[in-house]
């Protein structure tokens, strides 16, 4: 199917990526009209433990 036909029929490719916010591993792809990046958390124990650690960014110094 040509690009012109794809637009007419609303065909969507998997240009959307779901990436781990810590290690940038590709978790999944999504059908989108253009490139999109979404961030989530993978199943890695290392990434899960990083998520559990509170960040001090934006907090006032003691």
Protein backbone atom coordinates (compact mmCIF):
# COMPACT_ATOMS: atom_id res chain seq x y z
CA UNK A 1 0.00 0.00 0.00
CA UNK A 2 1.46 3.39 -0.98
CA UNK A 3 1.79 6.34 1.36
CA UNK A 4 -1.13 8.10 -0.32
CA UNK A 5 -3.41 5.13 0.24
CA UNK A 6 -2.23 4.73 3.82
CA UNK A 7 -3.32 8.31 4.57
CA UNK A 8 -6.73 7.76 2.98
CA UNK A 9 -7.37 4.53 4.89
CA UNK A 10 -5.95 5.85 8.18
CA UNK A 11 -3.19 3.26 8.42
CA UNK A 12 -0.88 3.87 11.36
CA UNK A 13 2.60 2.50 11.86
CA UNK A 14 4.19 1.71 15.22
CA UNK A 15 6.23 4.91 15.47
CA UNK A 16 5.33 5.46 19.13
CA UNK A 17 7.88 4.19 21.63
CA UNK A 18 7.42 3.46 25.32
CA UNK A 19 10.86 3.79 26.93
CA UNK A 20 12.08 3.09 30.46
CA UNK A 21 12.81 6.41 32.13
CA UNK A 22 15.97 5.03 33.77
CA UNK A 23 17.68 2.72 31.26
CA UNK A 24 15.93 3.78 27.99
CA UNK A 25 15.00 0.17 27.16
CA UNK A 26 12.17 -0.07 24.64
CA UNK A 27 9.22 -1.46 26.59
CA UNK A 28 6.60 -1.37 23.84
CA UNK A 29 5.57 0.31 20.59
CA UNK A 30 2.32 2.07 19.74
CA UNK A 31 0.55 2.82 16.47
CA UNK A 32 0.88 6.59 15.95
CA UNK A 33 0.86 9.02 13.04
CA UNK A 34 4.35 10.25 13.87
CA UNK A 35 7.26 9.63 16.19
CA UNK A 36 6.19 9.84 19.83
CA UNK A 37 8.21 9.00 22.97
CA UNK A 38 6.47 8.03 26.18
CA UNK A 39 8.27 7.10 29.38
CA UNK A 40 7.42 4.42 31.90
CA UNK A 41 9.28 1.91 34.05
CA UNK A 42 10.65 -1.45 32.86
CA UNK A 43 10.66 -4.69 34.89
CA UNK A 44 14.35 -4.46 35.79
CA UNK A 45 15.03 -4.66 39.55
CA UNK A 46 17.66 -1.92 39.19
CA UNK A 47 15.19 0.49 37.59
CA UNK A 48 12.48 -0.38 40.12
CA UNK A 49 14.87 0.33 42.99
CA UNK A 50 15.86 3.68 41.43
CA UNK A 51 12.19 4.61 41.26
CA UNK A 52 11.76 3.87 45.00
CA UNK A 53 14.54 6.32 46.00
CA UNK A 54 13.11 9.80 46.63
CA UNK A 55 14.75 12.61 44.71
CA UNK A 56 15.93 15.79 46.38
CA UNK A 57 15.62 17.84 43.20
CA UNK A 58 13.66 21.01 43.85
CA UNK A 59 13.85 20.74 47.63
CA UNK A 60 15.26 23.56 49.70
CA UNK A 61 18.61 22.92 51.38
CA UNK A 62 18.48 22.12 55.12
